[in-house]
Amino acid sequence: MDHFSSQAMAMKVQKKILSSMATKASIQMFIDDTTSEILDELYRVSKEYSGNKAEAHKVIKDLIKIAVKIGVLFRNNRFSTEELVLAQDFKKKLRQGAMTAISFYEVDFTFEKTVMSELLTGCRDLLLQLVNSHLTLKSHGRINNVFNHYADPELLTRLYQPDGPFRDNLTRICKGLNKLLEDGTI
């Protein structure tokens, strides 16, 4: 039996269109200025750390695509009650990660790469559970790409070196995270 749903088709088209237009200019309508600034800093860190502009661009593009797709799913009430509980768990874990990132930044020599890496992989795992039945394997790959990249203990260690090359980037990232926490965004 062929089951057709125009609503499901419209959402699929919306996700596809948003996925294909994930450029900085078009995403401004979905992502606030503070988040955009954090993404810019994450891009700079990734580019400098990896020495690969294309890889850094892909990680940020993947992050934006996932954020937009999840936003589409939320706006279209696609998550079940159980999935909404997972979404709350993800938001709590993300908030905990942001507060931990800021704390490690503000108090020199408290950074623990294992703690930060585990927080990020915990976020990844919750997000993968949340979108399991909603997004394609390609999108799951994007989630893995983003979180595995930023959970890399070596990247995190370089990022948090008190006198390291990424100190200014980390300052701006944490300033943005603080603002998002104060605003209740995360």
N, C-alpha and C. Protein backbone atom coordinates (compact mmCIF):
# COMPACT_ATOMS: atom_id res chain seq x y z
N MET A 1 0.84 -1.18 0.00
CA MET A 1 0.00 0.00 0.00
C MET A 1 0.89 1.25 0.00
N ASP A 2 0.63 2.15 -0.90
CA ASP A 2 1.41 3.37 -1.03
C ASP A 2 0.80 4.45 -0.14
N HIS A 3 1.58 4.88 0.86
CA HIS A 3 1.10 5.90 1.79
C HIS A 3 1.75 7.23 1.44
N PHE A 4 0.95 8.19 1.06
CA PHE A 4 1.44 9.51 0.70
C PHE A 4 1.01 10.54 1.73
N SER A 5 1.94 11.39 2.10
CA SER A 5 1.63 12.47 3.03
C SER A 5 2.27 13.75 2.50
N SER A 6 1.43 14.71 2.16
CA SER A 6 1.97 15.97 1.65
C SER A 6 2.77 16.70 2.72
N GLN A 7 2.36 16.54 3.98
CA GLN A 7 3.09 17.18 5.07
C GLN A 7 4.50 16.60 5.19
N ALA A 8 4.60 15.28 5.11
CA ALA A 8 5.91 14.62 5.17
C ALA A 8 6.76 15.03 3.97
N MET A 9 6.13 15.10 2.80
CA MET A 9 6.85 15.51 1.59
C MET A 9 7.34 16.95 1.73
N ALA A 10 6.50 17.83 2.25
CA ALA A 10 6.88 19.24 2.41
C ALA A 10 8.06 19.37 3.38
N MET A 11 8.04 18.60 4.47
CA MET A 11 9.13 18.67 5.42
C MET A 11 10.42 18.14 4.79
N LYS A 12 10.32 17.08 4.01
CA LYS A 12 11.49 16.50 3.34
C LYS A 12 12.10 17.52 2.37
N VAL A 13 11.25 18.20 1.63
CA VAL A 13 11.71 19.23 0.70
C VAL A 13 12.34 20.38 1.47
N GLN A 14 11.71 20.79 2.56
CA GLN A 14 12.23 21.89 3.38
C GLN A 14 13.63 21.53 3.91
N LYS A 15 13.80 20.32 4.43
CA LYS A 15 15.11 19.89 4.93
C LYS A 15 16.13 19.89 3.81
N LYS A 16 15.74 19.40 2.63
CA LYS A 16 16.65 19.33 1.49
C LYS A 16 17.06 20.72 1.03
N ILE A 17 16.11 21.63 0.93
CA ILE A 17 16.42 22.99 0.51
C ILE A 17 17.35 23.66 1.52
N LEU A 18 17.01 23.53 2.80
CA LEU A 18 17.84 24.15 3.83
C LEU A 18 19.24 23.55 3.84
N SER A 19 19.32 22.24 3.60
CA SER A 19 20.61 21.57 3.56
C SER A 19 21.47 22.10 2.43
N SER A 20 20.86 22.35 1.28
CA SER A 20 21.62 22.79 0.13
C SER A 20 22.00 24.27 0.20
N MET A 21 21.32 25.04 1.03
CA MET A 21 21.64 26.46 1.10
C MET A 21 22.36 26.84 2.40
N ALA A 22 23.08 25.89 2.95
CA ALA A 22 23.78 26.14 4.21
C ALA A 22 25.04 26.99 3.98
N THR A 23 24.83 28.22 3.59
CA THR A 23 25.91 29.18 3.45
C THR A 23 25.74 30.23 4.53
N LYS A 24 26.80 30.95 4.80
CA LYS A 24 26.76 31.92 5.90
C LYS A 24 25.63 32.94 5.72
N ALA A 25 25.47 33.46 4.53
CA ALA A 25 24.45 34.49 4.29
C ALA A 25 23.04 33.96 4.52
N SER A 26 22.75 32.78 3.99
CA SER A 26 21.39 32.25 4.11
C SER A 26 21.07 31.72 5.49
N ILE A 27 22.10 31.31 6.22
CA ILE A 27 21.89 30.74 7.54
C ILE A 27 21.63 31.83 8.59
N GLN A 28 22.00 33.08 8.29
CA GLN A 28 21.78 34.16 9.25
C GLN A 28 20.35 34.23 9.75
N MET A 29 19.38 33.82 8.90
CA MET A 29 17.99 33.88 9.34
C MET A 29 17.65 32.77 10.34
N PHE A 30 18.51 31.76 10.47
CA PHE A 30 18.25 30.65 11.38
C PHE A 30 19.14 30.66 12.61
N ILE A 31 20.31 31.29 12.51
CA ILE A 31 21.28 31.27 13.59
C ILE A 31 21.57 32.70 14.01
N ASP A 32 21.49 32.98 15.31
CA ASP A 32 21.70 34.33 15.81
C ASP A 32 23.16 34.76 15.68
N ASP A 33 23.40 36.05 15.88
CA ASP A 33 24.74 36.61 15.71
C ASP A 33 25.77 36.00 16.65
N THR A 34 25.39 35.78 17.90
CA THR A 34 26.32 35.21 18.87
C THR A 34 26.75 33.81 18.44
N THR A 35 25.79 32.98 18.05
CA THR A 35 26.11 31.63 17.60
C THR A 35 26.99 31.69 16.35
N SER A 36 26.67 32.60 15.46
CA SER A 36 27.46 32.77 14.25
C SER A 36 28.91 33.13 14.58
N GLU A 37 29.10 34.00 15.55
CA GLU A 37 30.45 34.37 15.97
C GLU A 37 31.20 33.18 16.56
N ILE A 38 30.51 32.36 17.35
CA ILE A 38 31.12 31.16 17.91
C ILE A 38 31.52 30.21 16.78
N LEU A 39 30.64 30.03 15.81
CA LEU A 39 30.94 29.16 14.67
C LEU A 39 32.15 29.67 13.89
N ASP A 40 32.24 30.98 13.73
CA ASP A 40 33.40 31.56 13.04
C ASP A 40 34.69 31.23 13.78
N GLU A 41 34.66 31.34 15.10
CA GLU A 41 35.86 31.01 15.90
C GLU A 41 36.18 29.52 15.84
N LEU A 42 35.16 28.68 15.90
CA LEU A 42 35.39 27.24 15.78
C LEU A 42 36.00 26.90 14.43
N TYR A 43 35.55 27.59 13.38
CA TYR A 43 36.11 27.39 12.05
C TYR A 43 37.60 27.76 12.05
N ARG A 44 37.92 28.92 12.61
CA ARG A 44 39.32 29.37 12.63
C ARG A 44 40.21 28.39 13.38
N VAL A 45 39.72 27.90 14.52
CA VAL A 45 40.48 26.92 15.30
C VAL A 45 40.69 25.65 14.48
N SER A 46 39.62 25.16 13.86
CA SER A 46 39.71 23.93 13.07
C SER A 46 40.67 24.09 11.90
N LYS A 47 40.57 25.23 11.22
CA LYS A 47 41.43 25.48 10.06
C LYS A 47 42.89 25.52 10.47
N GLU A 48 43.18 26.24 11.54
CA GLU A 48 44.56 26.36 12.01
C GLU A 48 45.08 25.03 12.54
N TYR A 49 44.25 24.34 13.31
CA TYR A 49 44.66 23.07 13.92
C TYR A 49 44.92 22.00 12.85
N SER A 50 43.99 21.86 11.92
CA SER A 50 44.11 20.80 10.91
C SER A 50 45.02 21.20 9.75
N GLY A 51 45.19 22.51 9.56
CA GLY A 51 45.95 22.98 8.41
C GLY A 51 45.21 22.74 7.10
N ASN A 52 43.89 22.49 7.23
CA ASN A 52 43.09 22.13 6.06
C ASN A 52 41.82 22.96 6.04
N LYS A 53 41.81 23.96 5.18
CA LYS A 53 40.67 24.86 5.08
C LYS A 53 39.39 24.12 4.68
N ALA A 54 39.50 23.18 3.73
CA ALA A 54 38.33 22.43 3.25
C ALA A 54 37.73 21.58 4.37
N GLU A 55 38.57 20.95 5.17
CA GLU A 55 38.09 20.12 6.28
C GLU A 55 37.37 20.98 7.32
N ALA A 56 37.97 22.12 7.65
CA ALA A 56 37.37 23.03 8.63
C ALA A 56 36.01 23.53 8.12
N HIS A 57 35.96 23.86 6.85
CA HIS A 57 34.71 24.33 6.23
C HIS A 57 33.64 23.25 6.31
N LYS A 58 34.02 22.00 6.02
CA LYS A 58 33.07 20.88 6.04
C LYS A 58 32.51 20.64 7.44
N VAL A 59 33.36 20.73 8.45
CA VAL A 59 32.91 20.50 9.83
C VAL A 59 31.86 21.54 10.21
N ILE A 60 32.12 22.81 9.91
CA ILE A 60 31.18 23.86 10.26
C ILE A 60 29.91 23.74 9.43
N LYS A 61 30.05 23.43 8.16
CA LYS A 61 28.88 23.26 7.30
C LYS A 61 28.01 22.10 7.80
N ASP A 62 28.66 21.00 8.21
CA ASP A 62 27.93 19.87 8.78
C ASP A 62 27.18 20.29 10.04
N LEU A 63 27.85 21.06 10.89
CA LEU A 63 27.23 21.52 12.13
C LEU A 63 25.99 22.36 11.83
N ILE A 64 26.11 23.27 10.88
CA ILE A 64 24.99 24.13 10.53
C ILE A 64 23.84 23.31 9.95
N LYS A 65 24.15 22.39 9.05
CA LYS A 65 23.11 21.56 8.44
C LYS A 65 22.34 20.78 9.49
N ILE A 66 23.06 20.20 10.44
CA ILE A 66 22.41 19.42 11.49
C ILE A 66 21.53 20.32 12.35
N ALA A 67 22.05 21.47 12.75
CA ALA A 67 21.27 22.40 13.58
C ALA A 67 19.98 22.82 12.88
N VAL A 68 20.08 23.14 11.60
CA VAL A 68 18.92 23.58 10.84
C VAL A 68 17.91 22.43 10.70
N LYS A 69 18.39 21.24 10.39
CA LYS A 69 17.48 20.10 10.23
C LYS A 69 16.76 19.78 11.54
N ILE A 70 17.47 19.83 12.64
CA ILE A 70 16.82 19.57 13.93
C ILE A 70 15.80 20.66 14.23
N GLY A 71 16.13 21.89 13.89
CA GLY A 71 15.18 22.99 14.04
C GLY A 71 13.91 22.76 13.23
N VAL A 72 14.06 22.26 12.01
CA VAL A 72 12.90 21.95 11.16
C VAL A 72 12.06 20.85 11.82
N LEU A 73 12.70 19.83 12.34
CA LEU A 73 11.97 18.75 13.00
C LEU A 73 11.20 19.27 14.21
N PHE A 74 11.83 20.13 15.01
CA PHE A 74 11.14 20.71 16.17
C PHE A 74 9.95 21.56 15.76
N ARG A 75 10.17 22.42 14.78
CA ARG A 75 9.08 23.31 14.34
C ARG A 75 7.91 22.54 13.75
N ASN A 76 8.18 21.38 13.24
CA ASN A 76 7.11 20.56 12.65
C ASN A 76 6.61 19.48 13.62
N ASN A 77 6.97 19.60 14.89
CA ASN A 77 6.51 18.68 15.94
C ASN A 77 6.69 17.22 15.58
N ARG A 78 7.88 16.87 15.10
CA ARG A 78 8.17 15.51 14.66
C ARG A 78 8.69 14.59 15.76
N PHE A 79 9.03 15.14 16.91
CA PHE A 79 9.60 14.32 17.96
C PHE A 79 8.52 13.77 18.88
N SER A 80 8.66 12.50 19.21
CA SER A 80 7.73 11.85 20.14
C SER A 80 8.02 12.35 21.56
N THR A 81 7.16 11.97 22.48
CA THR A 81 7.35 12.36 23.89
C THR A 81 8.69 11.83 24.40
N GLU A 82 9.02 10.59 24.06
CA GLU A 82 10.29 10.00 24.49
C GLU A 82 11.47 10.76 23.88
N GLU A 83 11.32 11.14 22.61
CA GLU A 83 12.40 11.88 21.95
C GLU A 83 12.55 13.28 22.53
N LEU A 84 11.45 13.87 22.96
CA LEU A 84 11.54 15.19 23.60
C LEU A 84 12.29 15.12 24.93
N VAL A 85 12.17 13.98 25.62
CA VAL A 85 12.95 13.77 26.84
C VAL A 85 14.44 13.70 26.48
N LEU A 86 14.75 12.98 25.39
CA LEU A 86 16.14 12.93 24.91
C LEU A 86 16.64 14.33 24.54
N ALA A 87 15.78 15.11 23.91
CA ALA A 87 16.15 16.48 23.52
C ALA A 87 16.48 17.31 24.76
N GLN A 88 15.70 17.15 25.82
CA GLN A 88 15.97 17.86 27.08
C GLN A 88 17.30 17.39 27.68
N ASP A 89 17.53 16.08 27.62
CA ASP A 89 18.80 15.53 28.13
C ASP A 89 19.98 16.10 27.33
N PHE A 90 19.79 16.20 26.01
CA PHE A 90 20.83 16.75 25.15
C PHE A 90 21.10 18.22 25.53
N LYS A 91 20.02 18.97 25.70
CA LYS A 91 20.18 20.39 26.04
C LYS A 91 20.90 20.54 27.39
N LYS A 92 20.56 19.70 28.37
CA LYS A 92 21.24 19.74 29.67
C LYS A 92 22.72 19.42 29.53
N LYS A 93 23.03 18.40 28.73
CA LYS A 93 24.42 17.99 28.52
C LYS A 93 25.18 19.09 27.78
N LEU A 94 24.54 19.72 26.80
CA LEU A 94 25.17 20.80 26.05
C LEU A 94 25.44 21.99 26.98
N ARG A 95 24.47 22.29 27.83
CA ARG A 95 24.62 23.39 28.80
C ARG A 95 25.77 23.08 29.77
N GLN A 96 25.82 21.83 30.24
CA GLN A 96 26.89 21.41 31.13
C GLN A 96 28.25 21.54 30.42
N GLY A 97 28.28 21.16 29.14
CA GLY A 97 29.51 21.28 28.37
C GLY A 97 29.95 22.72 28.21
N ALA A 98 28.99 23.61 27.95
CA ALA A 98 29.30 25.04 27.80
C ALA A 98 29.83 25.60 29.13
N MET A 99 29.19 25.26 30.23
CA MET A 99 29.64 25.76 31.54
C MET A 99 31.02 25.21 31.89
N THR A 100 31.25 23.95 31.55
CA THR A 100 32.56 23.34 31.81
C THR A 100 33.64 24.00 30.95
N ALA A 101 33.32 24.23 29.67
CA ALA A 101 34.27 24.88 28.77
C ALA A 101 34.67 26.26 29.31
N ILE A 102 33.70 27.00 29.79
CA ILE A 102 33.95 28.34 30.33
C ILE A 102 34.78 28.24 31.62
N SER A 103 34.43 27.31 32.47
CA SER A 103 35.15 27.13 33.73
C SER A 103 36.62 26.78 33.47
N PHE A 104 36.85 25.86 32.56
CA PHE A 104 38.23 25.48 32.22
C PHE A 104 39.00 26.69 31.66
N TYR A 105 38.31 27.55 30.93
CA TYR A 105 38.94 28.75 30.37
C TYR A 105 39.26 29.77 31.47
N GLU A 106 38.32 29.98 32.37
CA GLU A 106 38.47 31.02 33.38
C GLU A 106 39.48 30.68 34.47
N VAL A 107 39.64 29.39 34.76
CA VAL A 107 40.55 28.98 35.83
C VAL A 107 41.72 28.21 35.19
N ASP A 108 42.84 28.89 35.04
CA ASP A 108 44.01 28.29 34.40
C ASP A 108 44.41 26.99 35.08
N PHE A 109 44.89 26.08 34.26
CA PHE A 109 45.44 24.79 34.69
C PHE A 109 44.41 23.86 35.34
N THR A 110 43.12 24.09 35.04
CA THR A 110 42.09 23.17 35.52
C THR A 110 41.59 22.28 34.38
N PHE A 111 41.99 22.60 33.15
CA PHE A 111 41.51 21.87 31.97
C PHE A 111 41.86 20.40 32.04
N GLU A 112 40.84 19.58 31.78
CA GLU A 112 41.03 18.13 31.68
C GLU A 112 40.44 17.67 30.36
N LYS A 113 41.32 17.24 29.45
CA LYS A 113 40.87 16.87 28.11
C LYS A 113 39.89 15.72 28.13
N THR A 114 40.03 14.80 29.06
CA THR A 114 39.13 13.65 29.13
C THR A 114 37.71 14.09 29.47
N VAL A 115 37.59 15.01 30.42
CA VAL A 115 36.27 15.51 30.84
C VAL A 115 35.58 16.20 29.67
N MET A 116 36.31 17.09 28.98
CA MET A 116 35.72 17.84 27.87
C MET A 116 35.36 16.89 26.72
N SER A 117 36.25 15.98 26.42
CA SER A 117 36.01 15.03 25.34
C SER A 117 34.79 14.15 25.63
N GLU A 118 34.68 13.68 26.87
CA GLU A 118 33.54 12.84 27.25
C GLU A 118 32.22 13.61 27.21
N LEU A 119 32.24 14.88 27.59
CA LEU A 119 31.03 15.71 27.50
C LEU A 119 30.57 15.82 26.04
N LEU A 120 31.53 16.05 25.16
CA LEU A 120 31.19 16.19 23.74
C LEU A 120 30.71 14.88 23.13
N THR A 121 31.34 13.77 23.48
CA THR A 121 30.87 12.49 22.94
C THR A 121 29.53 12.11 23.55
N GLY A 122 29.28 12.52 24.79
CA GLY A 122 27.96 12.30 25.40
C GLY A 122 26.88 13.08 24.66
N CYS A 123 27.19 14.32 24.28
CA CYS A 123 26.25 15.12 23.48
C CYS A 123 26.00 14.44 22.13
N ARG A 124 27.07 13.99 21.51
CA ARG A 124 26.94 13.30 20.22
C ARG A 124 26.01 12.10 20.32
N ASP A 125 26.22 11.28 21.34
CA ASP A 125 25.42 10.06 21.49
C ASP A 125 23.95 10.37 21.72
N LEU A 126 23.66 11.38 22.54
CA LEU A 126 22.26 11.78 22.77
C LEU A 126 21.62 12.32 21.49
N LEU A 127 22.38 13.10 20.75
CA LEU A 127 21.86 13.67 19.51
C LEU A 127 21.58 12.58 18.48
N LEU A 128 22.47 11.60 18.39
CA LEU A 128 22.25 10.49 17.46
C LEU A 128 21.00 9.69 17.84
N GLN A 129 20.77 9.50 19.13
CA GLN A 129 19.54 8.81 19.57
C GLN A 129 18.31 9.64 19.20
N LEU A 130 18.40 10.94 19.40
CA LEU A 130 17.28 11.84 19.13
C LEU A 130 16.86 11.80 17.67
N VAL A 131 17.80 11.83 16.77
CA VAL A 131 17.48 11.92 15.34
C VAL A 131 17.48 10.57 14.63
N ASN A 132 17.66 9.51 15.39
CA ASN A 132 17.83 8.18 14.81
C ASN A 132 16.81 7.84 13.73
N SER A 133 15.54 8.08 14.00
CA SER A 133 14.50 7.70 13.04
C SER A 133 14.07 8.85 12.14
N HIS A 134 14.73 10.00 12.25
CA HIS A 134 14.30 11.19 11.50
C HIS A 134 15.27 11.60 10.39
N LEU A 135 16.55 11.35 10.60
CA LEU A 135 17.54 11.80 9.63
C LEU A 135 18.26 10.61 8.99
N THR A 136 18.84 10.86 7.84
CA THR A 136 19.51 9.81 7.07
C THR A 136 20.85 9.43 7.71
N LEU A 137 21.40 8.34 7.22
CA LEU A 137 22.73 7.92 7.68
C LEU A 137 23.78 8.98 7.34
N LYS A 138 23.57 9.68 6.25
CA LYS A 138 24.48 10.77 5.87
C LYS A 138 24.48 11.85 6.95
N SER A 139 23.30 12.19 7.46
CA SER A 139 23.20 13.17 8.53
C SER A 139 23.83 12.64 9.82
N HIS A 140 23.67 11.36 10.08
CA HIS A 140 24.30 10.76 11.25
C HIS A 140 25.82 10.89 11.12
N GLY A 141 26.32 10.69 9.89
CA GLY A 141 27.74 10.86 9.62
C GLY A 141 28.20 12.28 9.88
N ARG A 142 27.35 13.24 9.54
CA ARG A 142 27.68 14.65 9.80
C ARG A 142 27.79 14.91 11.31
N ILE A 143 26.86 14.36 12.07
CA ILE A 143 26.90 14.52 13.53
C ILE A 143 28.20 13.93 14.07
N ASN A 144 28.53 12.72 13.63
CA ASN A 144 29.78 12.09 14.07
C ASN A 144 30.99 12.94 13.68
N ASN A 145 30.99 13.46 12.46
CA ASN A 145 32.11 14.27 11.98
C ASN A 145 32.32 15.48 12.88
N VAL A 146 31.25 16.20 13.20
CA VAL A 146 31.35 17.41 14.01
C VAL A 146 31.83 17.09 15.42
N PHE A 147 31.15 16.18 16.09
CA PHE A 147 31.49 15.90 17.48
C PHE A 147 32.83 15.20 17.62
N ASN A 148 33.14 14.28 16.72
CA ASN A 148 34.44 13.60 16.80
C ASN A 148 35.58 14.59 16.56
N HIS A 149 35.35 15.54 15.67
CA HIS A 149 36.38 16.56 15.39
C HIS A 149 36.67 17.39 16.64
N TYR A 150 35.62 17.93 17.25
CA TYR A 150 35.83 18.81 18.40
C TYR A 150 36.09 18.08 19.71
N ALA A 151 35.83 16.78 19.76
CA ALA A 151 36.12 16.00 20.96
C ALA A 151 37.54 15.43 20.92
N ASP A 152 38.28 15.70 19.86
CA ASP A 152 39.66 15.23 19.73
C ASP A 152 40.49 15.79 20.90
N PRO A 153 41.00 14.90 21.76
CA PRO A 153 41.74 15.38 22.93
C PRO A 153 42.94 16.27 22.59
N GLU A 154 43.61 16.00 21.47
CA GLU A 154 44.75 16.82 21.07
C GLU A 154 44.30 18.24 20.68
N LEU A 155 43.21 18.33 19.94
CA LEU A 155 42.65 19.64 19.58
C LEU A 155 42.25 20.40 20.84
N LEU A 156 41.57 19.73 21.74
CA LEU A 156 41.14 20.37 22.99
C LEU A 156 42.34 20.84 23.82
N THR A 157 43.38 20.02 23.87
CA THR A 157 44.59 20.39 24.62
C THR A 157 45.22 21.64 24.04
N ARG A 158 45.34 21.70 22.73
CA ARG A 158 45.91 22.90 22.08
C ARG A 158 45.02 24.12 22.31
N LEU A 159 43.70 23.92 22.24
CA LEU A 159 42.75 25.01 22.42
C LEU A 159 42.89 25.62 23.81
N TYR A 160 43.12 24.80 24.81
CA TYR A 160 43.13 25.27 26.19
C TYR A 160 44.52 25.59 26.74
N GLN A 161 45.54 25.58 25.91
CA GLN A 161 46.87 26.00 26.39
C GLN A 161 46.79 27.47 26.79
N PRO A 162 47.10 27.78 28.06
CA PRO A 162 46.96 29.16 28.53
C PRO A 162 47.71 30.19 27.69
N ASP A 163 48.87 29.81 27.17
CA ASP A 163 49.63 30.75 26.34
C ASP A 163 49.73 30.24 24.91
N GLY A 164 48.77 29.40 24.52
CA GLY A 164 48.80 28.78 23.21
C GLY A 164 48.25 29.67 22.10
N PRO A 165 48.33 29.17 20.89
CA PRO A 165 47.93 29.96 19.71
C PRO A 165 46.42 30.20 19.60
N PHE A 166 45.63 29.46 20.36
CA PHE A 166 44.18 29.58 20.24
C PHE A 166 43.54 30.34 21.39
N ARG A 167 44.34 30.98 22.21
CA ARG A 167 43.81 31.65 23.40
C ARG A 167 42.78 32.73 23.05
N ASP A 168 43.08 33.54 22.04
CA ASP A 168 42.13 34.59 21.64
C ASP A 168 40.84 33.99 21.10
N ASN A 169 40.96 32.90 20.34
CA ASN A 169 39.77 32.22 19.81
C ASN A 169 38.93 31.69 20.97
N LEU A 170 39.61 31.05 21.93
CA LEU A 170 38.91 30.48 23.09
C LEU A 170 38.23 31.58 23.89
N THR A 171 38.88 32.73 24.02
CA THR A 171 38.28 33.86 24.73
C THR A 171 36.96 34.25 24.07
N ARG A 172 36.97 34.38 22.74
CA ARG A 172 35.75 34.79 22.02
C ARG A 172 34.68 33.68 22.07
N ILE A 173 35.10 32.42 22.00
CA ILE A 173 34.15 31.31 22.09
C ILE A 173 33.46 31.33 23.45
N CYS A 174 34.24 31.46 24.50
CA CYS A 174 33.68 31.44 25.86
C CYS A 174 32.82 32.67 26.14
N LYS A 175 33.21 33.81 25.58
CA LYS A 175 32.38 35.02 25.71
C LYS A 175 31.01 34.77 25.07
N GLY A 176 31.01 34.15 23.89
CA GLY A 176 29.76 33.83 23.21
C GLY A 176 28.94 32.80 23.96
N LEU A 177 29.61 31.77 24.47
CA LEU A 177 28.91 30.74 25.25
C LEU A 177 28.27 31.36 26.49
N ASN A 178 28.99 32.25 27.15
CA ASN A 178 28.44 32.94 28.33
C ASN A 178 27.17 33.69 27.97
N LYS A 179 27.19 34.38 26.84
CA LYS A 179 26.02 35.14 26.40
C LYS A 179 24.85 34.19 26.11
N LEU A 180 25.12 33.06 25.44
CA LEU A 180 24.05 32.09 25.15
C LEU A 180 23.48 31.48 26.42
N LEU A 181 24.33 31.26 27.42
CA LEU A 181 23.86 30.74 28.71
C LEU A 181 23.00 31.80 29.41
N GLU A 182 23.45 33.04 29.42
CA GLU A 182 22.69 34.12 30.07
C GLU A 182 21.34 34.33 29.39
N ASP A 183 21.31 34.21 28.07
CA ASP A 183 20.07 34.41 27.32
C ASP A 183 19.12 33.21 27.42
N GLY A 184 19.63 32.09 27.96
CA GLY A 184 18.81 30.88 28.04
C GLY A 184 18.73 30.11 26.72
N THR A 185 19.59 30.47 25.76
CA THR A 185 19.61 29.78 24.48
C THR A 185 20.11 28.35 24.66
N ILE A 186 21.11 28.18 25.53
CA ILE A 186 21.59 26.83 25.86
C ILE A 186 21.59 26.66 27.37
